[in-house]
Amino acid sequence: MRLLEFQAKKIFSKNGIAVPKSMLITSPEDIQNILLPSVLKAQIPVGGRGKAGAIRKVETPSEAESVVVELLGSTVKGFPV
């Protein structure tokens, strides 16, 4: 079974294992609720996301929106984001 990072974090948290604070972004509007700077990570069931450009550090709201718009609906390593 392959879990996405956010799914694994939920399981860890429910079982008392500390995980970094995070939130799932499903639309560009969701970025209004993030703290900056942040790291945005595409949720796909494969390694190498960083090398594929699917993990990005963002510093500003406009940069975050640009990355979210670019990643959501794209395909990374053959998997839809």
PDB file of N, CA and C in Angstrom:
ATOM      1  N   MET A   1       0.841  -1.165   0.000  1.00  0.00           N
ATOM      2  CA  MET A   1       0.000   0.000   0.000  1.00  0.00           C
ATOM      3  C   MET A   1       0.892   1.235   0.000  1.00  0.00           C
ATOM      4  N   ARG A   2       0.553   2.206  -0.833  1.00  0.00           N
ATOM      5  CA  ARG A   2       1.288   3.467  -0.873  1.00  0.00           C
ATOM      6  C   ARG A   2       0.407   4.567  -0.312  1.00  0.00           C
ATOM      7  N   LEU A   3       0.952   5.294   0.630  1.00  0.00           N
ATOM      8  CA  LEU A   3       0.238   6.419   1.221  1.00  0.00           C
ATOM      9  C   LEU A   3       0.859   7.716   0.736  1.00  0.00           C
ATOM     10  N   LEU A   4       0.019   8.727   0.616  1.00  0.00           N
ATOM     11  CA  LEU A   4       0.531  10.059   0.355  1.00  0.00           C
ATOM     12  C   LEU A   4       1.040  10.629   1.671  1.00  0.00           C
ATOM     13  N   GLU A   5       1.909  11.609   1.601  1.00  0.00           N
ATOM     14  CA  GLU A   5       2.514  12.170   2.809  1.00  0.00           C
ATOM     15  C   GLU A   5       1.465  12.660   3.796  1.00  0.00           C
ATOM     16  N   PHE A   6       0.437  13.365   3.319  1.00  0.00           N
ATOM     17  CA  PHE A   6      -0.575  13.893   4.238  1.00  0.00           C
ATOM     18  C   PHE A   6      -1.369  12.766   4.903  1.00  0.00           C
ATOM     19  N   GLN A   7      -1.556  11.651   4.211  1.00  0.00           N
ATOM     20  CA  GLN A   7      -2.266  10.510   4.794  1.00  0.00           C
ATOM     21  C   GLN A   7      -1.431   9.862   5.900  1.00  0.00           C
ATOM     22  N   ALA A   8      -0.149   9.715   5.653  1.00  0.00           N
ATOM     23  CA  ALA A   8       0.744   9.132   6.659  1.00  0.00           C
ATOM     24  C   ALA A   8       0.813  10.026   7.894  1.00  0.00           C
ATOM     25  N   LYS A   9       0.849  11.339   7.689  1.00  0.00           N
ATOM     26  CA  LYS A   9       0.890  12.270   8.823  1.00  0.00           C
ATOM     27  C   LYS A   9      -0.359  12.138   9.689  1.00  0.00           C
ATOM     28  N   LYS A  10      -1.515  11.954   9.067  1.00  0.00           N
ATOM     29  CA  LYS A  10      -2.757  11.768   9.834  1.00  0.00           C
ATOM     30  C   LYS A  10      -2.676  10.513  10.699  1.00  0.00           C
ATOM     31  N   ILE A  11      -2.189   9.432  10.119  1.00  0.00           N
ATOM     32  CA  ILE A  11      -2.072   8.171  10.856  1.00  0.00           C
ATOM     33  C   ILE A  11      -1.093   8.331  12.017  1.00  0.00           C
ATOM     34  N   PHE A  12       0.053   8.925  11.755  1.00  0.00           N
ATOM     35  CA  PHE A  12       1.037   9.147  12.826  1.00  0.00           C
ATOM     36  C   PHE A  12       0.434   9.973  13.947  1.00  0.00           C
ATOM     37  N   SER A  13      -0.205  11.076  13.591  1.00  0.00           N
ATOM     38  CA  SER A  13      -0.782  11.984  14.587  1.00  0.00           C
ATOM     39  C   SER A  13      -1.832  11.285  15.443  1.00  0.00           C
ATOM     40  N   LYS A  14      -2.700  10.493  14.807  1.00  0.00           N
ATOM     41  CA  LYS A  14      -3.740   9.773  15.548  1.00  0.00           C
ATOM     42  C   LYS A  14      -3.156   8.755  16.518  1.00  0.00           C
ATOM     43  N   ASN A  15      -1.921   8.328  16.254  1.00  0.00           N
ATOM     44  CA  ASN A  15      -1.267   7.341  17.108  1.00  0.00           C
ATOM     45  C   ASN A  15      -0.212   7.958  18.026  1.00  0.00           C
ATOM     46  N   GLY A  16      -0.311   9.264  18.220  1.00  0.00           N
ATOM     47  CA  GLY A  16       0.546   9.940  19.180  1.00  0.00           C
ATOM     48  C   GLY A  16       1.956  10.255  18.725  1.00  0.00           C
ATOM     49  N   ILE A  17       2.217  10.126  17.446  1.00  0.00           N
ATOM     50  CA  ILE A  17       3.543  10.452  16.919  1.00  0.00           C
ATOM     51  C   ILE A  17       3.517  11.900  16.439  1.00  0.00           C
ATOM     52  N   ALA A  18       4.441  12.701  16.925  1.00  0.00           N
ATOM     53  CA  ALA A  18       4.487  14.117  16.558  1.00  0.00           C
ATOM     54  C   ALA A  18       4.827  14.279  15.076  1.00  0.00           C
ATOM     55  N   VAL A  19       4.103  15.167  14.419  1.00  0.00           N
ATOM     56  CA  VAL A  19       4.365  15.490  13.019  1.00  0.00           C
ATOM     57  C   VAL A  19       4.381  17.008  12.871  1.00  0.00           C
ATOM     58  N   PRO A  20       5.132  17.519  11.899  1.00  0.00           N
ATOM     59  CA  PRO A  20       5.140  18.962  11.678  1.00  0.00           C
ATOM     60  C   PRO A  20       3.751  19.458  11.275  1.00  0.00           C
ATOM     61  N   LYS A  21       3.446  20.690  11.643  1.00  0.00           N
ATOM     62  CA  LYS A  21       2.166  21.287  11.269  1.00  0.00           C
ATOM     63  C   LYS A  21       2.095  21.377   9.748  1.00  0.00           C
ATOM     64  N   SER A  22       0.946  21.017   9.205  1.00  0.00           N
ATOM     65  CA  SER A  22       0.769  21.059   7.752  1.00  0.00           C
ATOM     66  C   SER A  22      -0.702  21.211   7.423  1.00  0.00           C
ATOM     67  N   MET A  23      -0.970  21.487   6.155  1.00  0.00           N
ATOM     68  CA  MET A  23      -2.350  21.518   5.677  1.00  0.00           C
ATOM     69  C   MET A  23      -2.360  21.094   4.218  1.00  0.00           C
ATOM     70  N   LEU A  24      -3.469  20.529   3.800  1.00  0.00           N
ATOM     71  CA  LEU A  24      -3.625  20.081   2.423  1.00  0.00           C
ATOM     72  C   LEU A  24      -4.214  21.222   1.607  1.00  0.00           C
ATOM     73  N   ILE A  25      -3.533  21.601   0.544  1.00  0.00           N
ATOM     74  CA  ILE A  25      -3.987  22.659  -0.359  1.00  0.00           C
ATOM     75  C   ILE A  25      -4.674  21.981  -1.542  1.00  0.00           C
ATOM     76  N   THR A  26      -5.950  22.288  -1.737  1.00  0.00           N
ATOM     77  CA  THR A  26      -6.686  21.687  -2.853  1.00  0.00           C
ATOM     78  C   THR A  26      -7.131  22.712  -3.887  1.00  0.00           C
ATOM     79  N   SER A  27      -6.906  23.993  -3.588  1.00  0.00           N
ATOM     80  CA  SER A  27      -7.245  25.054  -4.540  1.00  0.00           C
ATOM     81  C   SER A  27      -6.387  26.278  -4.229  1.00  0.00           C
ATOM     82  N   PRO A  28      -6.202  27.177  -5.197  1.00  0.00           N
ATOM     83  CA  PRO A  28      -5.411  28.383  -4.945  1.00  0.00           C
ATOM     84  C   PRO A  28      -5.950  29.227  -3.783  1.00  0.00           C
ATOM     85  N   GLU A  29      -7.240  29.165  -3.528  1.00  0.00           N
ATOM     86  CA  GLU A  29      -7.829  29.940  -2.431  1.00  0.00           C
ATOM     87  C   GLU A  29      -7.299  29.487  -1.068  1.00  0.00           C
ATOM     88  N   ASP A  30      -6.893  28.231  -0.964  1.00  0.00           N
ATOM     89  CA  ASP A  30      -6.395  27.694   0.307  1.00  0.00           C
ATOM     90  C   ASP A  30      -5.110  28.364   0.781  1.00  0.00           C
ATOM     91  N   ILE A  31      -4.359  28.987  -0.128  1.00  0.00           N
ATOM     92  CA  ILE A  31      -3.081  29.574   0.284  1.00  0.00           C
ATOM     93  C   ILE A  31      -3.265  30.770   1.202  1.00  0.00           C
ATOM     94  N   GLN A  32      -4.463  31.319   1.281  1.00  0.00           N
ATOM     95  CA  GLN A  32      -4.718  32.437   2.195  1.00  0.00           C
ATOM     96  C   GLN A  32      -4.513  32.010   3.643  1.00  0.00           C
ATOM     97  N   ASN A  33      -4.554  30.724   3.913  1.00  0.00           N
ATOM     98  CA  ASN A  33      -4.458  30.208   5.280  1.00  0.00           C
ATOM     99  C   ASN A  33      -3.082  29.679   5.663  1.00  0.00           C
ATOM    100  N   ILE A  34      -2.090  29.795   4.776  1.00  0.00           N
ATOM    101  CA  ILE A  34      -0.776  29.242   5.106  1.00  0.00           C
ATOM    102  C   ILE A  34       0.132  30.303   5.721  1.00  0.00           C
ATOM    103  N   LEU A  35       1.073  29.836   6.516  1.00  0.00           N
ATOM    104  CA  LEU A  35       2.104  30.707   7.070  1.00  0.00           C
ATOM    105  C   LEU A  35       3.270  30.741   6.090  1.00  0.00           C
ATOM    106  N   LEU A  36       3.873  31.893   5.953  1.00  0.00           N
ATOM    107  CA  LEU A  36       5.011  32.034   5.047  1.00  0.00           C
ATOM    108  C   LEU A  36       6.258  32.387   5.850  1.00  0.00           C
ATOM    109  N   PRO A  37       7.426  31.951   5.423  1.00  0.00           N
ATOM    110  CA  PRO A  37       7.659  31.076   4.279  1.00  0.00           C
ATOM    111  C   PRO A  37       7.154  29.659   4.542  1.00  0.00           C
ATOM    112  N   SER A  38       6.866  28.946   3.464  1.00  0.00           N
ATOM    113  CA  SER A  38       6.359  27.576   3.539  1.00  0.00           C
ATOM    114  C   SER A  38       7.012  26.718   2.469  1.00  0.00           C
ATOM    115  N   VAL A  39       6.827  25.424   2.616  1.00  0.00           N
ATOM    116  CA  VAL A  39       7.255  24.477   1.591  1.00  0.00           C
ATOM    117  C   VAL A  39       5.996  23.818   1.054  1.00  0.00           C
ATOM    118  N   LEU A  40       5.791  23.919  -0.249  1.00  0.00           N
ATOM    119  CA  LEU A  40       4.631  23.304  -0.899  1.00  0.00           C
ATOM    120  C   LEU A  40       5.088  22.009  -1.558  1.00  0.00           C
ATOM    121  N   LYS A  41       4.362  20.924  -1.275  1.00  0.00           N
ATOM    122  CA  LYS A  41       4.743  19.606  -1.777  1.00  0.00           C
ATOM    123  C   LYS A  41       3.571  18.972  -2.516  1.00  0.00           C
ATOM    124  N   ALA A  42       3.808  18.576  -3.767  1.00  0.00           N
ATOM    125  CA  ALA A  42       2.789  17.841  -4.510  1.00  0.00           C
ATOM    126  C   ALA A  42       2.592  16.487  -3.843  1.00  0.00           C
ATOM    127  N   GLN A  43       1.346  16.075  -3.712  1.00  0.00           N
ATOM    128  CA  GLN A  43       1.025  14.795  -3.072  1.00  0.00           C
ATOM    129  C   GLN A  43       0.836  13.735  -4.151  1.00  0.00           C
ATOM    130  N   ILE A  44       1.921  13.010  -4.413  1.00  0.00           N
ATOM    131  CA  ILE A  44       1.899  11.919  -5.386  1.00  0.00           C
ATOM    132  C   ILE A  44       2.582  10.711  -4.747  1.00  0.00           C
ATOM    133  N   PRO A  45       2.182   9.494  -5.150  1.00  0.00           N
ATOM    134  CA  PRO A  45       2.710   8.282  -4.505  1.00  0.00           C
ATOM    135  C   PRO A  45       4.024   7.779  -5.105  1.00  0.00           C
ATOM    136  N   VAL A  46       5.035   8.655  -5.132  1.00  0.00           N
ATOM    137  CA  VAL A  46       6.314   8.267  -5.719  1.00  0.00           C
ATOM    138  C   VAL A  46       7.415   9.148  -5.130  1.00  0.00           C
ATOM    139  N   GLY A  47       8.608   8.610  -5.052  1.00  0.00           N
ATOM    140  CA  GLY A  47       9.745   9.386  -4.575  1.00  0.00           C
ATOM    141  C   GLY A  47      10.296  10.288  -5.664  1.00  0.00           C
ATOM    142  N   GLY A  48      11.226  11.139  -5.291  1.00  0.00           N
ATOM    143  CA  GLY A  48      11.856  12.024  -6.261  1.00  0.00           C
ATOM    144  C   GLY A  48      11.063  13.272  -6.575  1.00  0.00           C
ATOM    145  N   ARG A  49      10.130  13.632  -5.691  1.00  0.00           N
ATOM    146  CA  ARG A  49       9.314  14.824  -5.947  1.00  0.00           C
ATOM    147  C   ARG A  49      10.164  16.089  -6.030  1.00  0.00           C
ATOM    148  N   GLY A  50      11.155  16.194  -5.172  1.00  0.00           N
ATOM    149  CA  GLY A  50      12.000  17.390  -5.176  1.00  0.00           C
ATOM    150  C   GLY A  50      12.758  17.551  -6.480  1.00  0.00           C
ATOM    151  N   LYS A  51      13.376  16.475  -6.943  1.00  0.00           N
ATOM    152  CA  LYS A  51      14.120  16.522  -8.204  1.00  0.00           C
ATOM    153  C   LYS A  51      13.203  16.791  -9.387  1.00  0.00           C
ATOM    154  N   ALA A  52      11.927  16.415  -9.261  1.00  0.00           N
ATOM    155  CA  ALA A  52      10.957  16.633 -10.335  1.00  0.00           C
ATOM    156  C   ALA A  52      10.331  18.027 -10.266  1.00  0.00           C
ATOM    157  N   GLY A  53      10.748  18.836  -9.283  1.00  0.00           N
ATOM    158  CA  GLY A  53      10.212  20.190  -9.155  1.00  0.00           C
ATOM    159  C   GLY A  53       8.884  20.263  -8.441  1.00  0.00           C
ATOM    160  N   ALA A  54       8.510  19.193  -7.737  1.00  0.00           N
ATOM    161  CA  ALA A  54       7.200  19.138  -7.086  1.00  0.00           C
ATOM    162  C   ALA A  54       7.261  19.453  -5.595  1.00  0.00           C
ATOM    163  N   ILE A  55       8.420  19.901  -5.109  1.00  0.00           N
ATOM    164  CA  ILE A  55       8.559  20.415  -3.747  1.00  0.00           C
ATOM    165  C   ILE A  55       9.226  21.775  -3.881  1.00  0.00           C
ATOM    166  N   ARG A  56       8.517  22.820  -3.439  1.00  0.00           N
ATOM    167  CA  ARG A  56       9.013  24.182  -3.625  1.00  0.00           C
ATOM    168  C   ARG A  56       8.880  25.019  -2.368  1.00  0.00           C
ATOM    169  N   LYS A  57       9.910  25.770  -2.047  1.00  0.00           N
ATOM    170  CA  LYS A  57       9.846  26.732  -0.950  1.00  0.00           C
ATOM    171  C   LYS A  57       9.286  28.035  -1.516  1.00  0.00           C
ATOM    172  N   VAL A  58       8.325  28.615  -0.809  1.00  0.00           N
ATOM    173  CA  VAL A  58       7.727  29.881  -1.230  1.00  0.00           C
ATOM    174  C   VAL A  58       7.866  30.895  -0.101  1.00  0.00           C
ATOM    175  N   GLU A  59       8.081  32.148  -0.476  1.00  0.00           N
ATOM    176  CA  GLU A  59       8.311  33.217   0.494  1.00  0.00           C
ATOM    177  C   GLU A  59       7.158  34.216   0.567  1.00  0.00           C
ATOM    178  N   THR A  60       6.444  34.406  -0.542  1.00  0.00           N
ATOM    179  CA  THR A  60       5.413  35.444  -0.611  1.00  0.00           C
ATOM    180  C   THR A  60       4.073  34.844  -1.033  1.00  0.00           C
ATOM    181  N   PRO A  61       2.970  35.548  -0.747  1.00  0.00           N
ATOM    182  CA  PRO A  61       1.661  35.059  -1.193  1.00  0.00           C
ATOM    183  C   PRO A  61       1.575  34.894  -2.711  1.00  0.00           C
ATOM    184  N   SER A  62       2.139  35.826  -3.463  1.00  0.00           N
ATOM    185  CA  SER A  62       2.058  35.709  -4.925  1.00  0.00           C
ATOM    186  C   SER A  62       2.876  34.527  -5.434  1.00  0.00           C
ATOM    187  N   GLU A  63       4.025  34.278  -4.818  1.00  0.00           N
ATOM    188  CA  GLU A  63       4.836  33.114  -5.189  1.00  0.00           C
ATOM    189  C   GLU A  63       4.094  31.820  -4.850  1.00  0.00           C
ATOM    190  N   ALA A  64       3.460  31.777  -3.689  1.00  0.00           N
ATOM    191  CA  ALA A  64       2.694  30.591  -3.290  1.00  0.00           C
ATOM    192  C   ALA A  64       1.556  30.332  -4.268  1.00  0.00           C
ATOM    193  N   GLU A  65       0.831  31.379  -4.629  1.00  0.00           N
ATOM    194  CA  GLU A  65      -0.283  31.212  -5.569  1.00  0.00           C
ATOM    195  C   GLU A  65       0.215  30.705  -6.912  1.00  0.00           C
ATOM    196  N   SER A  66       1.314  31.253  -7.392  1.00  0.00           N
ATOM    197  CA  SER A  66       1.873  30.836  -8.675  1.00  0.00           C
ATOM    198  C   SER A  66       2.249  29.352  -8.663  1.00  0.00           C
ATOM    199  N   VAL A  67       2.889  28.904  -7.590  1.00  0.00           N
ATOM    200  CA  VAL A  67       3.301  27.495  -7.487  1.00  0.00           C
ATOM    201  C   VAL A  67       2.081  26.586  -7.381  1.00  0.00           C
ATOM    202  N   VAL A  68       1.092  26.977  -6.584  1.00  0.00           N
ATOM    203  CA  VAL A  68      -0.121  26.158  -6.437  1.00  0.00           C
ATOM    204  C   VAL A  68      -0.832  26.028  -7.778  1.00  0.00           C
ATOM    205  N   VAL A  69      -0.987  27.137  -8.491  1.00  0.00           N
ATOM    206  CA  VAL A  69      -1.658  27.101  -9.798  1.00  0.00           C
ATOM    207  C   VAL A  69      -0.878  26.208 -10.764  1.00  0.00           C
ATOM    208  N   GLU A  70       0.451  26.293 -10.721  1.00  0.00           N
ATOM    209  CA  GLU A  70       1.281  25.467 -11.603  1.00  0.00           C
ATOM    210  C   GLU A  70       1.170  23.978 -11.272  1.00  0.00           C
ATOM    211  N   LEU A  71       1.207  23.643  -9.979  1.00  0.00           N
ATOM    212  CA  LEU A  71       1.224  22.229  -9.589  1.00  0.00           C
ATOM    213  C   LEU A  71      -0.142  21.550  -9.657  1.00  0.00           C
ATOM    214  N   LEU A  72      -1.185  22.222  -9.157  1.00  0.00           N
ATOM    215  CA  LEU A  72      -2.509  21.584  -9.153  1.00  0.00           C
ATOM    216  C   LEU A  72      -2.974  21.326 -10.580  1.00  0.00           C
ATOM    217  N   GLY A  73      -3.365  20.125 -10.842  1.00  0.00           N
ATOM    218  CA  GLY A  73      -3.828  19.755 -12.174  1.00  0.00           C
ATOM    219  C   GLY A  73      -2.706  19.328 -13.107  1.00  0.00           C
ATOM    220  N   SER A  74      -1.455  19.422 -12.637  1.00  0.00           N
ATOM    221  CA  SER A  74      -0.339  18.984 -13.473  1.00  0.00           C
ATOM    222  C   SER A  74      -0.101  17.487 -13.265  1.00  0.00           C
ATOM    223  N   THR A  75       0.855  16.963 -14.003  1.00  0.00           N
ATOM    224  CA  THR A  75       1.272  15.573 -13.855  1.00  0.00           C
ATOM    225  C   THR A  75       2.751  15.565 -13.502  1.00  0.00           C
ATOM    226  N   VAL A  76       3.109  14.846 -12.451  1.00  0.00           N
ATOM    227  CA  VAL A  76       4.499  14.747 -12.029  1.00  0.00           C
ATOM    228  C   VAL A  76       4.871  13.266 -11.982  1.00  0.00           C
ATOM    229  N   LYS A  77       5.904  12.909 -12.740  1.00  0.00           N
ATOM    230  CA  LYS A  77       6.374  11.520 -12.792  1.00  0.00           C
ATOM    231  C   LYS A  77       5.232  10.554 -13.136  1.00  0.00           C
ATOM    232  N   GLY A  78       4.322  11.020 -14.001  1.00  0.00           N
ATOM    233  CA  GLY A  78       3.218  10.183 -14.456  1.00  0.00           C
ATOM    234  C   GLY A  78       2.005  10.153 -13.551  1.00  0.00           C
ATOM    235  N   PHE A  79       2.034  10.902 -12.445  1.00  0.00           N
ATOM    236  CA  PHE A  79       0.911  10.932 -11.506  1.00  0.00           C
ATOM    237  C   PHE A  79       0.260  12.308 -11.502  1.00  0.00           C
ATOM    238  N   PRO A  80      -1.073  12.354 -11.519  1.00  0.00           N
ATOM    239  CA  PRO A  80      -1.754  13.657 -11.451  1.00  0.00           C
ATOM    240  C   PRO A  80      -1.631  14.260 -10.057  1.00  0.00           C
ATOM    241  N   VAL A  81      -1.459  15.569 -10.026  1.00  0.00           N
ATOM    242  CA  VAL A  81      -1.371  16.287  -8.747  1.00  0.00           C
ATOM    243  C   VAL A  81      -2.747  16.832  -8.416  1.00  0.00           C
TER     244      VAL A  81
END
